[in-house]
Amino acid sequence: QIEMGTVPPTLERARFYEIPLTVTTRDPRFEGKLKIGYRLFHEGRLVNRDDEIQHVAVLARSGNEAWTGHLYFVAPYDAGRYSVTVQAFHGANMQDKAKFTVEIISGELRGRP
C-alpha cells in the first residue's frame, strides 16, 4: 500500500519536487526498492500519455511493515489544477496506487529561497 506524505497544495510549473511517501508491505522479501511512476490528469484528461515517468524509489525501513522514501515529481509546464495518480510496479504489473491533487502556478512562490 502506498500513502503520500504532505504534498504542498501549490507548486511552481516546470520544477522538480521530492514528495514524501510511505509504503506498507507484509512481504518479507521486500528489500526497500520499488519502481514507481505517475500519471497526470488535467480536467479529466491524461496529459502525460506518452511520457515514461518512472523511477526506482530507495526506501528506508520506518517501522515493522513500513518504509519511507520520495516520489520524484516534475511539475507540468502549464499552470492549472492537476490530479496525480502514483503507481507502484512489480515487473510489468501495477500493484498499488495513491492519488493527490495539486495547483501548478506560473509565477514564483513567496518565501522560497
C-alpha atoms as a PDB file:
ATOM      1  CA  GLN A   1       0.000   0.000   0.000  1.00  0.00           C
ATOM      2  CA  ILE A   2       1.259   3.497  -0.888  1.00  0.00           C
ATOM      3  CA  GLU A   3       0.416   6.607   1.101  1.00  0.00           C
ATOM      4  CA  MET A   4       1.552  10.065   0.081  1.00  0.00           C
ATOM      5  CA  GLY A   5       3.083  12.370   2.691  1.00  0.00           C
ATOM      6  CA  THR A   6       2.407  16.094   2.803  1.00  0.00           C
ATOM      7  CA  VAL A   7       2.100  17.475  -0.715  1.00  0.00           C
ATOM      8  CA  PRO A   8       2.314  21.270  -0.993  1.00  0.00           C
ATOM      9  CA  PRO A   9      -1.056  22.470  -2.367  1.00  0.00           C
ATOM     10  CA  THR A  10       0.669  24.857  -4.806  1.00  0.00           C
ATOM     11  CA  LEU A  11       3.777  24.160  -6.881  1.00  0.00           C
ATOM     12  CA  GLU A  12       5.727  26.179  -9.441  1.00  0.00           C
ATOM     13  CA  ARG A  13       5.491  24.995 -13.026  1.00  0.00           C
ATOM     14  CA  ALA A  14       8.376  23.009 -14.558  1.00  0.00           C
ATOM     15  CA  ARG A  15      10.169  22.469 -11.230  1.00  0.00           C
ATOM     16  CA  PHE A  16      11.412  19.284  -9.556  1.00  0.00           C
ATOM     17  CA  TYR A  17       9.968  18.179  -6.211  1.00  0.00           C
ATOM     18  CA  GLU A  18      10.575  15.300  -3.826  1.00  0.00           C
ATOM     19  CA  ILE A  19       7.195  14.222  -2.457  1.00  0.00           C
ATOM     20  CA  PRO A  20       7.384  12.011   0.662  1.00  0.00           C
ATOM     21  CA  LEU A  21       5.678   8.638   0.582  1.00  0.00           C
ATOM     22  CA  THR A  22       5.206   5.614   2.796  1.00  0.00           C
ATOM     23  CA  VAL A  23       4.897   2.045   1.567  1.00  0.00           C
ATOM     24  CA  THR A  24       3.418  -0.664   3.757  1.00  0.00           C
ATOM     25  CA  THR A  25       4.076  -4.290   2.873  1.00  0.00           C
ATOM     26  CA  ARG A  26       3.984  -7.642   4.622  1.00  0.00           C
ATOM     27  CA  ASP A  27       6.235  -9.235   2.007  1.00  0.00           C
ATOM     28  CA  PRO A  28       9.331 -10.477   3.905  1.00  0.00           C
ATOM     29  CA  ARG A  29      11.312 -10.464   0.620  1.00  0.00           C
ATOM     30  CA  PHE A  30      10.859  -6.709   0.099  1.00  0.00           C
ATOM     31  CA  GLU A  31      14.272  -5.025   0.305  1.00  0.00           C
ATOM     32  CA  GLY A  32      13.320  -1.349   0.097  1.00  0.00           C
ATOM     33  CA  LYS A  33      13.409  -0.737  -3.656  1.00  0.00           C
ATOM     34  CA  LEU A  34      10.194  -0.003  -5.525  1.00  0.00           C
ATOM     35  CA  LYS A  35       9.580   1.066  -9.115  1.00  0.00           C
ATOM     36  CA  ILE A  36       7.056   3.910  -9.080  1.00  0.00           C
ATOM     37  CA  GLY A  37       5.619   6.309 -11.620  1.00  0.00           C
ATOM     38  CA  TYR A  38       2.744   8.720 -12.031  1.00  0.00           C
ATOM     39  CA  ARG A  39       0.052   9.869 -14.411  1.00  0.00           C
ATOM     40  CA  LEU A  40      -1.096  13.488 -14.682  1.00  0.00           C
ATOM     41  CA  PHE A  41      -4.689  14.468 -15.393  1.00  0.00           C
ATOM     42  CA  HIS A  42      -5.946  17.976 -16.214  1.00  0.00           C
ATOM     43  CA  GLU A  43      -9.726  18.463 -16.408  1.00  0.00           C
ATOM     44  CA  GLY A  44     -10.106  14.670 -16.524  1.00  0.00           C
ATOM     45  CA  ARG A  45      -7.757  14.252 -19.499  1.00  0.00           C
ATOM     46  CA  LEU A  46      -4.484  12.307 -19.269  1.00  0.00           C
ATOM     47  CA  VAL A  47      -1.740  14.768 -20.222  1.00  0.00           C
ATOM     48  CA  ASN A  48       1.396  12.619 -19.991  1.00  0.00           C
ATOM     49  CA  ARG A  49       0.247   9.619 -22.036  1.00  0.00           C
ATOM     50  CA  ASP A  50       3.499   9.271 -23.985  1.00  0.00           C
ATOM     51  CA  ASP A  51       5.870  10.102 -21.119  1.00  0.00           C
ATOM     52  CA  GLU A  52       7.826   7.412 -19.310  1.00  0.00           C
ATOM     53  CA  ILE A  53       7.726   8.851 -15.800  1.00  0.00           C
ATOM     54  CA  GLN A  54       9.071   6.098 -13.584  1.00  0.00           C
ATOM     55  CA  HIS A  55      11.975   5.667 -11.211  1.00  0.00           C
ATOM     56  CA  VAL A  56      13.171   3.269  -8.558  1.00  0.00           C
ATOM     57  CA  ALA A  57      12.499   4.676  -5.109  1.00  0.00           C
ATOM     58  CA  VAL A  58      15.008   3.567  -2.499  1.00  0.00           C
ATOM     59  CA  LEU A  59      13.065   3.323   0.747  1.00  0.00           C
ATOM     60  CA  ALA A  60      14.221   3.198   4.361  1.00  0.00           C
ATOM     61  CA  ARG A  61      12.535   0.973   6.923  1.00  0.00           C
ATOM     62  CA  SER A  62      10.467   3.137   9.271  1.00  0.00           C
ATOM     63  CA  GLY A  63       8.504   0.505  11.148  1.00  0.00           C
ATOM     64  CA  ASN A  64       7.650  -3.164  11.272  1.00  0.00           C
ATOM     65  CA  GLU A  65       5.969  -3.176   7.830  1.00  0.00           C
ATOM     66  CA  ALA A  66       6.506   0.474   6.809  1.00  0.00           C
ATOM     67  CA  TRP A  67       9.106   2.005   4.509  1.00  0.00           C
ATOM     68  CA  THR A  68       9.576   5.696   3.643  1.00  0.00           C
ATOM     69  CA  GLY A  69      11.076   7.467   0.648  1.00  0.00           C
ATOM     70  CA  HIS A  70      10.241  10.010  -2.045  1.00  0.00           C
ATOM     71  CA  LEU A  71       8.426  10.289  -5.340  1.00  0.00           C
ATOM     72  CA  TYR A  72      10.447  12.413  -7.763  1.00  0.00           C
ATOM     73  CA  PHE A  73       7.840  14.726  -9.275  1.00  0.00           C
ATOM     74  CA  VAL A  74       8.330  17.207 -12.117  1.00  0.00           C
ATOM     75  CA  ALA A  75       5.548  19.791 -12.163  1.00  0.00           C
ATOM     76  CA  PRO A  76       3.870  20.280 -15.556  1.00  0.00           C
ATOM     77  CA  TYR A  77       4.852  23.204 -17.778  1.00  0.00           C
ATOM     78  CA  ASP A  78       1.307  24.562 -17.940  1.00  0.00           C
ATOM     79  CA  ALA A  79      -0.387  26.179 -14.957  1.00  0.00           C
ATOM     80  CA  GLY A  80      -3.643  24.697 -13.670  1.00  0.00           C
ATOM     81  CA  ARG A  81      -5.117  22.166 -11.278  1.00  0.00           C
ATOM     82  CA  TYR A  82      -3.885  18.599 -11.785  1.00  0.00           C
ATOM     83  CA  SER A  83      -4.835  15.220 -10.377  1.00  0.00           C
ATOM     84  CA  VAL A  84      -1.910  12.835  -9.948  1.00  0.00           C
ATOM     85  CA  THR A  85      -2.136   9.056  -9.741  1.00  0.00           C
ATOM     86  CA  VAL A  86       1.002   7.457  -8.305  1.00  0.00           C
ATOM     87  CA  GLN A  87       1.543   3.825  -9.289  1.00  0.00           C
ATOM     88  CA  ALA A  88       3.811   1.144  -7.865  1.00  0.00           C
ATOM     89  CA  PHE A  89       5.007  -1.585 -10.220  1.00  0.00           C
ATOM     90  CA  HIS A  90       6.263  -5.097  -9.706  1.00  0.00           C
ATOM     91  CA  GLY A  91       7.590  -6.332 -13.034  1.00  0.00           C
ATOM     92  CA  ALA A  92       5.100  -5.180 -15.663  1.00  0.00           C
ATOM     93  CA  ASN A  93       2.088  -5.213 -13.326  1.00  0.00           C
ATOM     94  CA  MET A  94       0.781  -2.202 -11.436  1.00  0.00           C
ATOM     95  CA  GLN A  95       0.442  -3.283  -7.806  1.00  0.00           C
ATOM     96  CA  ASP A  96      -0.934  -0.258  -5.936  1.00  0.00           C
ATOM     97  CA  LYS A  97      -1.693   3.407  -6.377  1.00  0.00           C
ATOM     98  CA  ALA A  98      -2.285   6.626  -4.455  1.00  0.00           C
ATOM     99  CA  LYS A  99      -3.741   9.961  -5.590  1.00  0.00           C
ATOM    100  CA  PHE A 100      -3.253  13.640  -4.845  1.00  0.00           C
ATOM    101  CA  THR A 101      -4.286  16.959  -6.371  1.00  0.00           C
ATOM    102  CA  VAL A 102      -2.039  19.970  -6.830  1.00  0.00           C
ATOM    103  CA  GLU A 103      -2.306  23.505  -8.210  1.00  0.00           C
ATOM    104  CA  ILE A 104       0.509  24.495 -10.591  1.00  0.00           C
ATOM    105  CA  ILE A 105       1.236  28.219 -10.879  1.00  0.00           C
ATOM    106  CA  SER A 106       3.239  30.097 -13.489  1.00  0.00           C
ATOM    107  CA  GLY A 107       4.911  32.570 -11.089  1.00  0.00           C
ATOM    108  CA  GLU A 108       7.299  32.039  -8.199  1.00  0.00           C
ATOM    109  CA  LEU A 109       6.045  31.001  -4.771  1.00  0.00           C
ATOM    110  CA  ARG A 110       6.630  33.524  -1.993  1.00  0.00           C
ATOM    111  CA  GLY A 111       9.107  32.580   0.695  1.00  0.00           C
ATOM    112  CA  ARG A 112      11.033  30.161  -1.484  1.00  0.00           C
ATOM    113  CA  PRO A 113      14.828  30.629  -1.370  1.00  0.00           C
END
